[in-house]
PDB file of N, CA and C in Angstrom:
ATOM      1  N   MET A   1       0.727  -1.200  -0.154  1.00  0.00           N
ATOM      2  CA  MET A   1      -0.072   0.032   0.072  1.00  0.00           C
ATOM      3  C   MET A   1       0.952   1.293   0.091  1.00  0.00           C
ATOM      4  N   PRO A   2       0.961   2.017  -1.000  1.00  0.00           N
ATOM      5  CA  PRO A   2       1.378   3.309  -1.196  1.00  0.00           C
ATOM      6  C   PRO A   2       1.441   4.445   0.005  1.00  0.00           C
ATOM      7  N   LYS A   3       2.505   5.041   0.467  1.00  0.00           N
ATOM      8  CA  LYS A   3       2.237   6.154   1.530  1.00  0.00           C
ATOM      9  C   LYS A   3       1.577   7.086   1.162  1.00  0.00           C
ATOM     10  N   LYS A   4       0.507   7.708   1.785  1.00  0.00           N
ATOM     11  CA  LYS A   4      -0.240   9.019   1.409  1.00  0.00           C
ATOM     12  C   LYS A   4       0.914  10.274   1.590  1.00  0.00           C
ATOM     13  N   LYS A   5       0.794  11.154   0.511  1.00  0.00           N
ATOM     14  CA  LYS A   5       1.757  12.284   0.605  1.00  0.00           C
ATOM     15  C   LYS A   5       0.840  13.295   1.300  1.00  0.00           C
ATOM     16  N   LYS A   6       1.957  13.837   2.092  1.00  0.00           N
ATOM     17  CA  LYS A   6       1.251  14.893   3.009  1.00  0.00           C
ATOM     18  C   LYS A   6       0.861  16.185   2.094  1.00  0.00           C
ATOM     19  N   LYS A   7      -0.019  16.820   2.130  1.00  0.00           N
ATOM     20  CA  LYS A   7      -0.548  17.852   1.362  1.00  0.00           C
ATOM     21  C   LYS A   7       0.218  19.164   1.897  1.00  0.00           C
ATOM     22  N   ARG A   8       0.746  20.008   0.851  1.00  0.00           N
ATOM     23  CA  ARG A   8       1.258  21.129   1.266  1.00  0.00           C
ATOM     24  C   ARG A   8       0.773  22.170   1.154  1.00  0.00           C
ATOM     25  N   SER A   9       0.494  23.309   2.088  1.00  0.00           N
ATOM     26  CA  SER A   9      -0.404  24.459   2.074  1.00  0.00           C
ATOM     27  C   SER A   9       0.512  25.302   0.966  1.00  0.00           C
ATOM     28  N   LYS A  10      -0.459  26.237   0.340  1.00  0.00           N
ATOM     29  CA  LYS A  10      -0.009  26.958  -0.915  1.00  0.00           C
ATOM     30  C   LYS A  10       0.815  28.197  -0.284  1.00  0.00           C
ATOM     31  N   PHE A  11       0.424  28.440   1.099  1.00  0.00           N
ATOM     32  CA  PHE A  11       0.993  29.618   1.781  1.00  0.00           C
ATOM     33  C   PHE A  11       2.036  29.255   2.695  1.00  0.00           C
ATOM     34  N   SER A  12       3.153  29.810   3.135  1.00  0.00           N
ATOM     35  CA  SER A  12       3.816  29.572   4.173  1.00  0.00           C
ATOM     36  C   SER A  12       3.011  30.443   5.265  1.00  0.00           C
ATOM     37  N   SER A  13       3.279  29.533   6.581  1.00  0.00           N
ATOM     38  CA  SER A  13       2.527  30.232   7.593  1.00  0.00           C
ATOM     39  C   SER A  13       3.385  31.561   8.114  1.00  0.00           C
ATOM     40  N   VAL A  14       2.631  32.613   8.164  1.00  0.00           N
ATOM     41  CA  VAL A  14       3.066  33.969   8.280  1.00  0.00           C
ATOM     42  C   VAL A  14       2.695  34.619   9.572  1.00  0.00           C
ATOM     43  N   ASP A  15       3.186  35.054  10.419  1.00  0.00           N
ATOM     44  CA  ASP A  15       2.673  35.656  11.672  1.00  0.00           C
ATOM     45  C   ASP A  15       1.508  36.715  11.250  1.00  0.00           C
ATOM     46  N   PRO A  16       0.440  36.566  11.691  1.00  0.00           N
ATOM     47  CA  PRO A  16      -0.813  37.348  11.543  1.00  0.00           C
ATOM     48  C   PRO A  16      -0.339  38.707  11.922  1.00  0.00           C
ATOM     49  N   ALA A  17       0.219  39.017  13.060  1.00  0.00           N
ATOM     50  CA  ALA A  17       0.573  40.376  13.492  1.00  0.00           C
ATOM     51  C   ALA A  17       1.419  41.230  12.647  1.00  0.00           C
ATOM     52  N   TYR A  18       2.344  40.296  12.037  1.00  0.00           N
ATOM     53  CA  TYR A  18       3.426  40.859  11.055  1.00  0.00           C
ATOM     54  C   TYR A  18       2.555  41.364   9.515  1.00  0.00           C
ATOM     55  N   MET A  19       1.527  40.349   9.221  1.00  0.00           N
ATOM     56  CA  MET A  19       0.830  40.732   7.874  1.00  0.00           C
ATOM     57  C   MET A  19      -0.021  42.157   8.452  1.00  0.00           C
ATOM     58  N   ASP A  20      -0.619  42.206   9.596  1.00  0.00           N
ATOM     59  CA  ASP A  20      -1.518  43.371   9.742  1.00  0.00           C
ATOM     60  C   ASP A  20      -0.516  44.722   9.921  1.00  0.00           C
ATOM     61  N   LYS A  21       0.793  44.558  10.363  1.00  0.00           N
ATOM     62  CA  LYS A  21       1.573  45.515  10.334  1.00  0.00           C
ATOM     63  C   LYS A  21       1.883  45.911   9.057  1.00  0.00           C
ATOM     64  N   GLN A  22       2.065  45.079   8.076  1.00  0.00           N
ATOM     65  CA  GLN A  22       2.361  45.208   6.765  1.00  0.00           C
ATOM     66  C   GLN A  22       1.363  45.840   5.867  1.00  0.00           C
ATOM     67  N   ARG A  23       0.089  45.605   6.174  1.00  0.00           N
ATOM     68  CA  ARG A  23      -1.080  46.074   5.680  1.00  0.00           C
ATOM     69  C   ARG A  23      -1.337  47.472   6.019  1.00  0.00           C
ATOM     70  N   ASP A  24      -1.111  47.693   7.243  1.00  0.00           N
ATOM     71  CA  ASP A  24      -1.150  49.108   7.943  1.00  0.00           C
ATOM     72  C   ASP A  24      -0.327  49.863   7.312  1.00  0.00           C
ATOM     73  N   ALA A  25       0.920  49.687   7.110  1.00  0.00           N
ATOM     74  CA  ALA A  25       1.843  50.352   6.353  1.00  0.00           C
ATOM     75  C   ALA A  25       1.584  51.038   4.970  1.00  0.00           C
ATOM     76  N   LEU A  26       1.022  49.901   4.310  1.00  0.00           N
ATOM     77  CA  LEU A  26       0.313  50.259   2.962  1.00  0.00           C
ATOM     78  C   LEU A  26      -0.697  50.753   2.509  1.00  0.00           C
ATOM     79  N   LYS A  27      -1.533  51.213   3.782  1.00  0.00           N
ATOM     80  CA  LYS A  27      -2.844  52.061   3.713  1.00  0.00           C
ATOM     81  C   LYS A  27      -2.611  53.395   3.320  1.00  0.00           C
ATOM     82  N   ARG A  28      -3.476  53.602   2.400  1.00  0.00           N
ATOM     83  CA  ARG A  28      -3.295  55.185   1.997  1.00  0.00           C
ATOM     84  C   ARG A  28      -4.202  56.038   2.751  1.00  0.00           C
ATOM     85  N   LYS A  29      -3.320  57.006   3.329  1.00  0.00           N
ATOM     86  CA  LYS A  29      -4.175  57.894   4.248  1.00  0.00           C
ATOM     87  C   LYS A  29      -4.335  59.418   3.891  1.00  0.00           C
ATOM     88  N   TYR A  30      -3.621  59.421   2.900  1.00  0.00           N
ATOM     89  CA  TYR A  30      -3.272  61.108   2.575  1.00  0.00           C
ATOM     90  C   TYR A  30      -3.990  61.216   1.091  1.00  0.00           C
ATOM     91  N   ARG A  31      -4.679  62.281   1.154  1.00  0.00           N
ATOM     92  CA  ARG A  31      -5.690  62.569  -0.016  1.00  0.00           C
ATOM     93  C   ARG A  31      -4.929  63.745  -0.785  1.00  0.00           C
ATOM     94  N   LYS A  32      -4.879  63.769  -2.010  1.00  0.00           N
ATOM     95  CA  LYS A  32      -4.384  64.937  -2.846  1.00  0.00           C
ATOM     96  C   LYS A  32      -5.436  65.118  -4.226  1.00  0.00           C
ATOM     97  N   SER A  33      -5.537  66.257  -4.304  1.00  0.00           N
ATOM     98  CA  SER A  33      -6.694  66.650  -5.511  1.00  0.00           C
ATOM     99  C   SER A  33      -5.745  67.169  -6.497  1.00  0.00           C
ATOM    100  N   ILE A  34      -6.270  66.846  -7.973  1.00  0.00           N
ATOM    101  CA  ILE A  34      -5.847  67.238  -9.065  1.00  0.00           C
ATOM    102  C   ILE A  34      -6.810  67.638  -9.878  1.00  0.00           C
ATOM    103  N   LEU A  35      -6.551  68.907 -10.524  1.00  0.00           N
ATOM    104  CA  LEU A  35      -7.401  69.375 -11.555  1.00  0.00           C
ATOM    105  C   LEU A  35      -6.995  69.113 -13.035  1.00  0.00           C
ATOM    106  N   PHE A  36      -7.751  68.662 -14.079  1.00  0.00           N
ATOM    107  CA  PHE A  36      -7.676  68.621 -15.339  1.00  0.00           C
ATOM    108  C   PHE A  36      -8.428  69.505 -16.148  1.00  0.00           C
ATOM    109  N   ASN A  37      -7.905  70.041 -17.128  1.00  0.00           N
ATOM    110  CA  ASN A  37      -8.792  70.622 -18.282  1.00  0.00           C
ATOM    111  C   ASN A  37      -9.392  69.888 -19.344  1.00  0.00           C
ATOM    112  N   GLU A  38     -10.014  70.323 -19.875  1.00  0.00           N
ATOM    113  CA  GLU A  38     -10.949  69.415 -20.900  1.00  0.00           C
ATOM    114  C   GLU A  38     -10.293  68.526 -21.822  1.00  0.00           C
ATOM    115  N   LYS A  39      -9.150  69.021 -22.467  1.00  0.00           N
ATOM    116  CA  LYS A  39      -8.277  68.371 -23.284  1.00  0.00           C
ATOM    117  C   LYS A  39      -7.463  67.502 -22.773  1.00  0.00           C
ATOM    118  N   GLU A  40      -7.005  67.479 -21.431  1.00  0.00           N
ATOM    119  CA  GLU A  40      -6.304  66.474 -20.739  1.00  0.00           C
ATOM    120  C   GLU A  40      -7.565  65.632 -20.035  1.00  0.00           C
ATOM    121  N   LEU A  41      -8.503  65.935 -19.863  1.00  0.00           N
ATOM    122  CA  LEU A  41      -9.492  64.655 -19.439  1.00  0.00           C
ATOM    123  C   LEU A  41      -9.889  63.810 -20.414  1.00  0.00           C
ATOM    124  N   ALA A  42     -10.082  64.531 -21.622  1.00  0.00           N
ATOM    125  CA  ALA A  42     -10.456  63.589 -22.921  1.00  0.00           C
ATOM    126  C   ALA A  42      -9.354  62.758 -23.179  1.00  0.00           C
ATOM    127  N   ALA A  43      -8.052  63.189 -23.247  1.00  0.00           N
ATOM    128  CA  ALA A  43      -6.996  62.276 -23.317  1.00  0.00           C
ATOM    129  C   ALA A  43      -6.914  61.211 -22.567  1.00  0.00           C
ATOM    130  N   ILE A  44      -7.057  61.392 -21.219  1.00  0.00           N
ATOM    131  CA  ILE A  44      -7.212  60.147 -20.226  1.00  0.00           C
ATOM    132  C   ILE A  44      -7.931  59.270 -20.519  1.00  0.00           C
ATOM    133  N   LYS A  45      -9.320  59.841 -20.777  1.00  0.00           N
ATOM    134  CA  LYS A  45     -10.487  58.848 -21.066  1.00  0.00           C
ATOM    135  C   LYS A  45     -10.350  58.097 -22.219  1.00  0.00           C
ATOM    136  N   GLU A  46      -9.743  58.655 -23.292  1.00  0.00           N
ATOM    137  CA  GLU A  46      -9.273  57.939 -24.501  1.00  0.00           C
ATOM    138  C   GLU A  46      -8.355  56.872 -24.085  1.00  0.00           C
ATOM    139  N   TYR A  47      -7.390  57.254 -23.329  1.00  0.00           N
ATOM    140  CA  TYR A  47      -6.302  56.215 -22.922  1.00  0.00           C
ATOM    141  C   TYR A  47      -6.949  55.122 -22.352  1.00  0.00           C
ATOM    142  N   CYS A  48      -7.752  55.326 -21.230  1.00  0.00           N
ATOM    143  CA  CYS A  48      -8.558  54.326 -20.426  1.00  0.00           C
ATOM    144  C   CYS A  48      -9.223  53.508 -21.219  1.00  0.00           C
ATOM    145  N   SER A  49     -10.132  53.957 -22.286  1.00  0.00           N
ATOM    146  CA  SER A  49     -11.011  53.142 -23.145  1.00  0.00           C
ATOM    147  C   SER A  49     -10.095  52.529 -24.003  1.00  0.00           C
ATOM    148  N   ARG A  50      -8.992  53.131 -24.616  1.00  0.00           N
ATOM    149  CA  ARG A  50      -8.376  52.285 -25.569  1.00  0.00           C
ATOM    150  C   ARG A  50      -7.589  50.887 -25.008  1.00  0.00           C
ATOM    151  N   PHE A  51      -7.000  51.167 -23.710  1.00  0.00           N
ATOM    152  CA  PHE A  51      -5.945  50.289 -23.156  1.00  0.00           C
ATOM    153  C   PHE A  51      -6.959  49.519 -21.874  1.00  0.00           C
ATOM    154  N   LYS A  52      -8.309  49.700 -21.853  1.00  0.00           N
ATOM    155  CA  LYS A  52      -8.984  49.111 -21.028  1.00  0.00           C
ATOM    156  C   LYS A  52      -8.631  49.318 -19.413  1.00  0.00           C
ATOM    157  N   VAL A  53      -8.255  50.274 -19.146  1.00  0.00           N
ATOM    158  CA  VAL A  53      -7.947  50.669 -17.560  1.00  0.00           C
ATOM    159  C   VAL A  53      -9.316  50.758 -16.710  1.00  0.00           C
ATOM    160  N   SER A  54      -9.269  50.216 -15.908  1.00  0.00           N
ATOM    161  CA  SER A  54     -10.478  50.109 -14.921  1.00  0.00           C
ATOM    162  C   SER A  54     -10.458  51.082 -13.920  1.00  0.00           C
ATOM    163  N   SER A  55      -9.203  51.453 -13.282  1.00  0.00           N
ATOM    164  CA  SER A  55      -8.930  52.401 -12.344  1.00  0.00           C
ATOM    165  C   SER A  55      -8.315  53.470 -12.613  1.00  0.00           C
ATOM    166  N   LEU A  56      -9.033  54.580 -12.628  1.00  0.00           N
ATOM    167  CA  LEU A  56      -8.373  55.862 -13.190  1.00  0.00           C
ATOM    168  C   LEU A  56      -7.559  56.121 -11.991  1.00  0.00           C
ATOM    169  N   SER A  57      -7.799  56.196 -10.575  1.00  0.00           N
ATOM    170  CA  SER A  57      -6.778  56.462  -9.569  1.00  0.00           C
ATOM    171  C   SER A  57      -5.603  55.681  -9.637  1.00  0.00           C
ATOM    172  N   ALA A  58      -5.656  54.361  -9.892  1.00  0.00           N
ATOM    173  CA  ALA A  58      -4.464  53.737  -9.778  1.00  0.00           C
ATOM    174  C   ALA A  58      -3.617  54.258 -11.159  1.00  0.00           C
ATOM    175  N   LEU A  59      -4.038  54.231 -12.287  1.00  0.00           N
ATOM    176  CA  LEU A  59      -3.307  54.754 -13.439  1.00  0.00           C
ATOM    177  C   LEU A  59      -2.446  56.137 -13.035  1.00  0.00           C
ATOM    178  N   ILE A  60      -3.163  57.197 -12.462  1.00  0.00           N
ATOM    179  CA  ILE A  60      -2.632  58.134 -12.094  1.00  0.00           C
ATOM    180  C   ILE A  60      -1.680  58.056 -11.177  1.00  0.00           C
ATOM    181  N   ARG A  61      -2.076  57.202 -10.161  1.00  0.00           N
ATOM    182  CA  ARG A  61      -0.988  56.953  -8.918  1.00  0.00           C
ATOM    183  C   ARG A  61       0.147  56.504  -9.588  1.00  0.00           C
ATOM    184  N   GLN A  62       0.330  55.435 -10.494  1.00  0.00           N
ATOM    185  CA  GLN A  62       1.254  54.729 -10.874  1.00  0.00           C
ATOM    186  C   GLN A  62       2.135  55.631 -11.604  1.00  0.00           C
ATOM    187  N   SER A  63       1.311  56.557 -12.509  1.00  0.00           N
ATOM    188  CA  SER A  63       1.960  57.456 -13.494  1.00  0.00           C
ATOM    189  C   SER A  63       3.109  58.498 -12.642  1.00  0.00           C
ATOM    190  N   VAL A  64       2.390  58.957 -11.589  1.00  0.00           N
ATOM    191  CA  VAL A  64       2.836  60.041 -10.859  1.00  0.00           C
ATOM    192  C   VAL A  64       4.213  59.467 -10.012  1.00  0.00           C
ATOM    193  N   MET A  65       3.907  58.102  -9.255  1.00  0.00           N
ATOM    194  CA  MET A  65       4.981  57.634  -8.707  1.00  0.00           C
ATOM    195  C   MET A  65       6.252  57.093  -9.505  1.00  0.00           C
ATOM    196  N   LYS A  66       5.981  56.736 -10.845  1.00  0.00           N
ATOM    197  CA  LYS A  66       6.916  56.247 -11.869  1.00  0.00           C
ATOM    198  C   LYS A  66       7.703  57.644 -12.091  1.00  0.00           C
ATOM    199  N   HIS A  67       7.171  58.556 -12.131  1.00  0.00           N
ATOM    200  CA  HIS A  67       7.824  59.918 -12.623  1.00  0.00           C
ATOM    201  C   HIS A  67       8.622  60.348 -11.405  1.00  0.00           C
ATOM    202  N   VAL A  68       8.202  60.228 -10.322  1.00  0.00           N
ATOM    203  CA  VAL A  68       8.743  60.784  -9.129  1.00  0.00           C
ATOM    204  C   VAL A  68      10.035  59.796  -8.718  1.00  0.00           C
ATOM    205  N   LEU A  69       9.959  58.557  -8.776  1.00  0.00           N
ATOM    206  CA  LEU A  69      10.962  57.567  -8.504  1.00  0.00           C
ATOM    207  C   LEU A  69      11.979  57.669  -9.226  1.00  0.00           C
ATOM    208  N   GLU A  70      11.801  57.974 -10.922  1.00  0.00           N
ATOM    209  CA  GLU A  70      12.632  58.138 -11.939  1.00  0.00           C
ATOM    210  C   GLU A  70      13.471  59.375 -11.579  1.00  0.00           C
ATOM    211  N   GLY A  71      12.801  60.380 -11.277  1.00  0.00           N
ATOM    212  CA  GLY A  71      13.533  61.865 -10.915  1.00  0.00           C
ATOM    213  C   GLY A  71      14.486  61.448  -9.773  1.00  0.00           C
ATOM    214  N   LEU A  72      14.188  60.863  -8.763  1.00  0.00           N
ATOM    215  CA  LEU A  72      14.985  60.581  -7.599  1.00  0.00           C
ATOM    216  C   LEU A  72      16.292  59.742  -8.004  1.00  0.00           C
ATOM    217  N   GLU A  73      15.956  58.936  -8.866  1.00  0.00           N
ATOM    218  CA  GLU A  73      17.032  58.046  -9.028  1.00  0.00           C
ATOM    219  C   GLU A  73      18.125  58.641  -9.984  1.00  0.00           C
ATOM    220  N   GLU A  74      17.552  59.787 -10.932  1.00  0.00           N
ATOM    221  CA  GLU A  74      18.609  60.255 -11.584  1.00  0.00           C
ATOM    222  C   GLU A  74      19.293  61.171 -11.005  1.00  0.00           C
ATOM    223  N   ASN A  75      18.544  62.009 -10.027  1.00  0.00           N
ATOM    224  CA  ASN A  75      19.382  62.960  -9.131  1.00  0.00           C
ATOM    225  C   ASN A  75      19.908  62.415  -7.844  1.00  0.00           C
ATOM    226  N   HIS A  76      20.274  61.221  -7.697  1.00  0.00           N
ATOM    227  CA  HIS A  76      20.559  60.648  -6.205  1.00  0.00           C
ATOM    228  C   HIS A  76      22.079  61.635  -6.094  1.00  0.00           C
ATOM    229  N   PRO A  77      22.355  61.680  -4.785  1.00  0.00           N
ATOM    230  CA  PRO A  77      23.570  62.409  -4.227  1.00  0.00           C
ATOM    231  C   PRO A  77      24.785  61.617  -4.675  1.00  0.00           C
ATOM    232  N   THR A  78      25.733  62.280  -5.091  1.00  0.00           N
ATOM    233  CA  THR A  78      27.301  61.313  -5.121  1.00  0.00           C
ATOM    234  C   THR A  78      28.353  62.078  -4.400  1.00  0.00           C
ATOM    235  N   LEU A  79      29.146  61.439  -4.088  1.00  0.00           N
ATOM    236  CA  LEU A  79      30.320  61.741  -3.024  1.00  0.00           C
ATOM    237  C   LEU A  79      31.262  62.751  -3.989  1.00  0.00           C
ATOM    238  N   PHE A  80      31.403  62.618  -5.409  1.00  0.00           N
ATOM    239  CA  PHE A  80      32.356  63.420  -6.035  1.00  0.00           C
ATOM    240  C   PHE A  80      31.604  64.289  -7.031  1.00  0.00           C
TER     241      PHE A  80
END
């Protein structure tokens, strides 16, 4: 009779307190507002419909953060 294989969980056991702390650190607490003119908003709507973007806030957040992080990376301090 063959031995039964022990089923492995898909997820490793992680401390729930650690996961709660990680989740709390990633919560978005700060709101910023932005205004667009008609042409800018039309361009954004066209982009969203063409590329099937479902979350406008995620699109804008990713675009802004990409630009910010690239700028910081290009202008990092040097020793010499």
